[in-house]
């Protein structure tokens, strides 16, 4: 089987929480996506592609700008804790 990880030039990161059909996309590290495994695979294959992040919250959206700021700060901190330079 051919591995395409060397072809990845950019990665869009988005976490997920809840059931499959539930609309709940929290800050990175607050859901169930196994980012450590993804990051490990990238590192093992010497792929330092850039990331972007997406936080959609729930169907109702964020409560206010404070919730958005916290989610961005939490995602930033999560990536820093995983060893990424931001």
N, C-alpha and C. Protein backbone atom coordinates (compact mmCIF):
# COMPACT_ATOMS: atom_id res chain seq x y z
N UNK A 1 0.84 -1.18 0.00
CA UNK A 1 0.00 0.00 0.00
C UNK A 1 0.89 1.25 0.00
N UNK A 2 0.59 2.18 -0.85
CA UNK A 2 1.34 3.43 -0.97
C UNK A 2 0.84 4.42 0.08
N UNK A 3 1.75 5.12 0.73
CA UNK A 3 1.42 6.12 1.74
C UNK A 3 1.54 7.50 1.08
N UNK A 4 0.53 8.34 1.23
CA UNK A 4 0.53 9.65 0.58
C UNK A 4 0.90 10.78 1.54
N UNK A 5 1.35 10.48 2.75
CA UNK A 5 1.61 11.53 3.73
C UNK A 5 2.67 12.53 3.24
N UNK A 6 3.55 12.10 2.35
CA UNK A 6 4.58 12.99 1.82
C UNK A 6 3.99 14.01 0.84
N UNK A 7 2.78 13.75 0.38
CA UNK A 7 2.13 14.65 -0.59
C UNK A 7 1.30 15.74 0.09
N UNK A 8 1.09 15.64 1.40
CA UNK A 8 0.28 16.62 2.11
C UNK A 8 1.08 17.92 2.24
N UNK A 9 0.53 19.00 1.69
CA UNK A 9 1.23 20.29 1.70
C UNK A 9 0.58 21.28 2.67
N UNK A 10 -0.60 20.95 3.17
CA UNK A 10 -1.36 21.86 4.03
C UNK A 10 -2.42 21.03 4.74
N UNK A 11 -2.71 21.36 6.01
CA UNK A 11 -3.72 20.60 6.75
C UNK A 11 -4.66 21.57 7.49
N UNK A 12 -5.95 21.32 7.34
CA UNK A 12 -6.99 22.10 7.99
C UNK A 12 -7.44 21.30 9.21
N UNK A 13 -7.27 21.83 10.42
CA UNK A 13 -7.57 21.10 11.65
C UNK A 13 -8.91 21.54 12.23
N UNK A 14 -9.70 20.56 12.63
CA UNK A 14 -11.02 20.82 13.21
C UNK A 14 -11.34 19.67 14.15
N UNK A 15 -11.70 19.97 15.38
CA UNK A 15 -12.03 18.91 16.34
C UNK A 15 -13.52 18.61 16.28
N UNK A 16 -13.92 17.50 16.87
CA UNK A 16 -15.32 17.05 16.86
C UNK A 16 -15.66 16.45 18.21
N UNK A 17 -16.87 16.77 18.65
CA UNK A 17 -17.37 16.23 19.92
C UNK A 17 -18.79 15.73 19.69
N UNK A 18 -19.21 14.72 20.44
CA UNK A 18 -20.58 14.22 20.34
C UNK A 18 -20.77 13.15 19.28
N UNK A 19 -22.02 12.82 19.05
CA UNK A 19 -22.38 11.80 18.08
C UNK A 19 -22.06 12.25 16.66
N UNK A 20 -22.05 11.28 15.73
CA UNK A 20 -21.66 11.56 14.35
C UNK A 20 -22.48 12.70 13.74
N UNK A 21 -23.78 12.70 13.93
CA UNK A 21 -24.65 13.71 13.32
C UNK A 21 -24.81 14.96 14.18
N UNK A 22 -24.19 14.99 15.33
CA UNK A 22 -24.28 16.16 16.22
C UNK A 22 -23.33 17.25 15.74
N UNK A 23 -23.83 18.48 15.69
CA UNK A 23 -23.03 19.63 15.26
C UNK A 23 -22.34 20.21 16.48
N UNK A 24 -21.12 19.79 16.71
CA UNK A 24 -20.36 20.28 17.88
C UNK A 24 -18.88 20.20 17.55
N UNK A 25 -18.30 21.33 17.22
CA UNK A 25 -16.91 21.43 16.79
C UNK A 25 -16.18 22.41 17.70
N UNK A 26 -15.58 21.91 18.80
CA UNK A 26 -14.95 22.77 19.80
C UNK A 26 -13.52 23.16 19.43
N UNK A 27 -12.89 23.88 20.35
CA UNK A 27 -11.47 24.21 20.21
C UNK A 27 -10.66 22.94 20.07
N UNK A 28 -9.50 23.05 19.45
CA UNK A 28 -8.62 21.88 19.29
C UNK A 28 -8.28 21.30 20.66
N UNK A 29 -8.31 19.97 20.75
CA UNK A 29 -8.00 19.30 21.99
C UNK A 29 -9.19 19.13 22.93
N UNK A 30 -10.33 19.70 22.58
CA UNK A 30 -11.53 19.60 23.43
C UNK A 30 -12.52 18.56 22.90
N UNK A 31 -12.18 17.93 21.79
CA UNK A 31 -13.07 16.93 21.20
C UNK A 31 -12.42 15.56 21.16
N UNK A 32 -12.80 14.77 20.18
CA UNK A 32 -12.38 13.38 20.12
C UNK A 32 -11.39 13.05 19.00
N UNK A 33 -11.02 14.03 18.19
CA UNK A 33 -10.06 13.76 17.11
C UNK A 33 -8.71 13.44 17.73
N UNK A 34 -8.07 12.40 17.24
CA UNK A 34 -6.78 11.96 17.79
C UNK A 34 -5.64 12.75 17.14
N UNK A 35 -5.55 14.03 17.51
CA UNK A 35 -4.50 14.88 16.96
C UNK A 35 -3.09 14.38 17.29
N UNK A 36 -2.83 13.87 18.50
CA UNK A 36 -1.48 13.35 18.76
C UNK A 36 -1.04 12.30 17.75
N UNK A 37 -1.94 11.43 17.34
CA UNK A 37 -1.61 10.42 16.34
C UNK A 37 -1.33 11.06 14.98
N UNK A 38 -2.12 12.04 14.61
CA UNK A 38 -1.91 12.76 13.35
C UNK A 38 -0.55 13.45 13.37
N UNK A 39 -0.27 14.16 14.46
CA UNK A 39 0.99 14.89 14.58
C UNK A 39 2.19 13.92 14.57
N UNK A 40 2.03 12.79 15.23
CA UNK A 40 3.09 11.78 15.26
C UNK A 40 3.37 11.26 13.85
N UNK A 41 2.31 10.98 13.09
CA UNK A 41 2.49 10.50 11.72
C UNK A 41 3.19 11.54 10.85
N UNK A 42 2.80 12.80 11.01
CA UNK A 42 3.46 13.86 10.25
C UNK A 42 4.94 13.94 10.62
N UNK A 43 5.24 13.93 11.92
CA UNK A 43 6.62 14.03 12.37
C UNK A 43 7.46 12.83 11.91
N UNK A 44 6.91 11.64 12.05
CA UNK A 44 7.63 10.43 11.64
C UNK A 44 7.97 10.44 10.16
N UNK A 45 7.18 11.16 9.39
CA UNK A 45 7.39 11.23 7.94
C UNK A 45 8.00 12.56 7.51
N UNK A 46 8.52 13.30 8.50
CA UNK A 46 9.21 14.57 8.24
C UNK A 46 8.37 15.52 7.40
N UNK A 47 7.07 15.57 7.70
CA UNK A 47 6.16 16.47 7.01
C UNK A 47 5.82 17.62 7.96
N UNK A 48 6.36 18.79 7.69
CA UNK A 48 6.11 19.97 8.51
C UNK A 48 5.12 20.92 7.85
N UNK A 49 4.08 20.37 7.25
CA UNK A 49 3.10 21.20 6.53
C UNK A 49 2.44 22.21 7.48
N UNK A 50 2.02 23.35 6.95
CA UNK A 50 1.33 24.35 7.78
C UNK A 50 -0.09 23.90 8.09
N UNK A 51 -0.64 24.45 9.17
CA UNK A 51 -2.01 24.16 9.59
C UNK A 51 -2.85 25.43 9.58
N UNK A 52 -4.14 25.25 9.42
CA UNK A 52 -5.12 26.26 9.77
C UNK A 52 -6.09 25.57 10.72
N UNK A 53 -6.83 26.34 11.49
CA UNK A 53 -7.81 25.74 12.41
C UNK A 53 -9.20 26.29 12.11
N UNK A 54 -10.19 25.47 12.44
CA UNK A 54 -11.59 25.87 12.31
C UNK A 54 -12.30 25.49 13.59
N UNK A 55 -13.08 26.42 14.11
CA UNK A 55 -13.89 26.18 15.30
C UNK A 55 -15.31 26.62 14.96
N UNK A 56 -16.24 25.69 14.90
CA UNK A 56 -17.62 26.03 14.52
C UNK A 56 -18.58 26.05 15.70
N UNK A 57 -18.15 25.57 16.85
CA UNK A 57 -19.02 25.51 18.03
C UNK A 57 -20.19 24.58 17.76
N UNK A 58 -21.39 24.95 18.16
CA UNK A 58 -22.59 24.15 17.94
C UNK A 58 -23.43 24.81 16.86
N UNK A 59 -24.57 24.22 16.54
CA UNK A 59 -25.45 24.81 15.51
C UNK A 59 -25.84 26.24 15.86
N UNK A 60 -25.94 26.53 17.15
CA UNK A 60 -26.34 27.87 17.60
C UNK A 60 -25.20 28.88 17.44
N UNK A 61 -24.00 28.37 17.21
CA UNK A 61 -22.85 29.26 17.08
C UNK A 61 -22.31 29.67 18.44
N UNK A 62 -21.30 30.53 18.45
CA UNK A 62 -20.73 30.97 19.72
C UNK A 62 -21.70 31.88 20.47
N UNK A 63 -21.56 31.88 21.80
CA UNK A 63 -22.42 32.74 22.64
C UNK A 63 -22.08 34.21 22.45
N UNK A 64 -20.77 34.49 22.36
CA UNK A 64 -20.32 35.87 22.25
C UNK A 64 -18.85 35.89 21.81
N UNK A 65 -18.30 37.07 21.64
CA UNK A 65 -16.91 37.20 21.21
C UNK A 65 -15.96 36.60 22.24
N UNK A 66 -16.33 36.63 23.49
CA UNK A 66 -15.50 36.03 24.54
C UNK A 66 -15.32 34.54 24.34
N UNK A 67 -16.38 33.86 23.95
CA UNK A 67 -16.29 32.41 23.70
C UNK A 67 -15.38 32.14 22.50
N UNK A 68 -15.46 32.97 21.48
CA UNK A 68 -14.59 32.82 20.32
C UNK A 68 -13.14 33.02 20.73
N UNK A 69 -12.88 34.08 21.47
CA UNK A 69 -11.51 34.37 21.92
C UNK A 69 -10.94 33.24 22.77
N UNK A 70 -11.77 32.66 23.65
CA UNK A 70 -11.32 31.55 24.50
C UNK A 70 -11.00 30.32 23.65
N UNK A 71 -11.84 30.03 22.67
CA UNK A 71 -11.62 28.86 21.82
C UNK A 71 -10.34 29.01 20.99
N UNK A 72 -10.10 30.20 20.49
CA UNK A 72 -8.87 30.44 19.73
C UNK A 72 -7.66 30.31 20.66
N UNK A 73 -7.75 30.91 21.86
CA UNK A 73 -6.65 30.83 22.83
C UNK A 73 -6.42 29.37 23.26
N UNK A 74 -7.48 28.62 23.48
CA UNK A 74 -7.34 27.21 23.86
C UNK A 74 -6.68 26.41 22.74
N UNK A 75 -7.07 26.66 21.49
CA UNK A 75 -6.48 25.96 20.35
C UNK A 75 -5.00 26.31 20.22
N UNK A 76 -4.69 27.58 20.38
CA UNK A 76 -3.30 28.05 20.34
C UNK A 76 -2.48 27.35 21.41
N UNK A 77 -2.99 27.31 22.63
CA UNK A 77 -2.28 26.68 23.74
C UNK A 77 -2.11 25.18 23.48
N UNK A 78 -3.13 24.54 22.96
CA UNK A 78 -3.05 23.11 22.66
C UNK A 78 -1.92 22.83 21.68
N UNK A 79 -1.84 23.60 20.61
CA UNK A 79 -0.79 23.39 19.62
C UNK A 79 0.59 23.68 20.20
N UNK A 80 0.70 24.71 21.01
CA UNK A 80 1.99 25.02 21.67
C UNK A 80 2.42 23.87 22.58
N UNK A 81 1.47 23.30 23.34
CA UNK A 81 1.76 22.18 24.23
C UNK A 81 2.20 20.94 23.44
N UNK A 82 1.76 20.85 22.20
CA UNK A 82 2.14 19.72 21.34
C UNK A 82 3.48 20.01 20.63
N UNK A 83 4.09 21.16 20.94
CA UNK A 83 5.41 21.45 20.44
C UNK A 83 5.49 22.29 19.17
N UNK A 84 4.38 22.87 18.75
CA UNK A 84 4.39 23.67 17.54
C UNK A 84 4.72 25.13 17.83
N UNK A 85 5.48 25.73 16.95
CA UNK A 85 5.77 27.16 17.04
C UNK A 85 4.64 27.89 16.33
N UNK A 86 4.14 28.88 17.02
CA UNK A 86 3.00 29.64 16.47
C UNK A 86 3.44 31.07 16.22
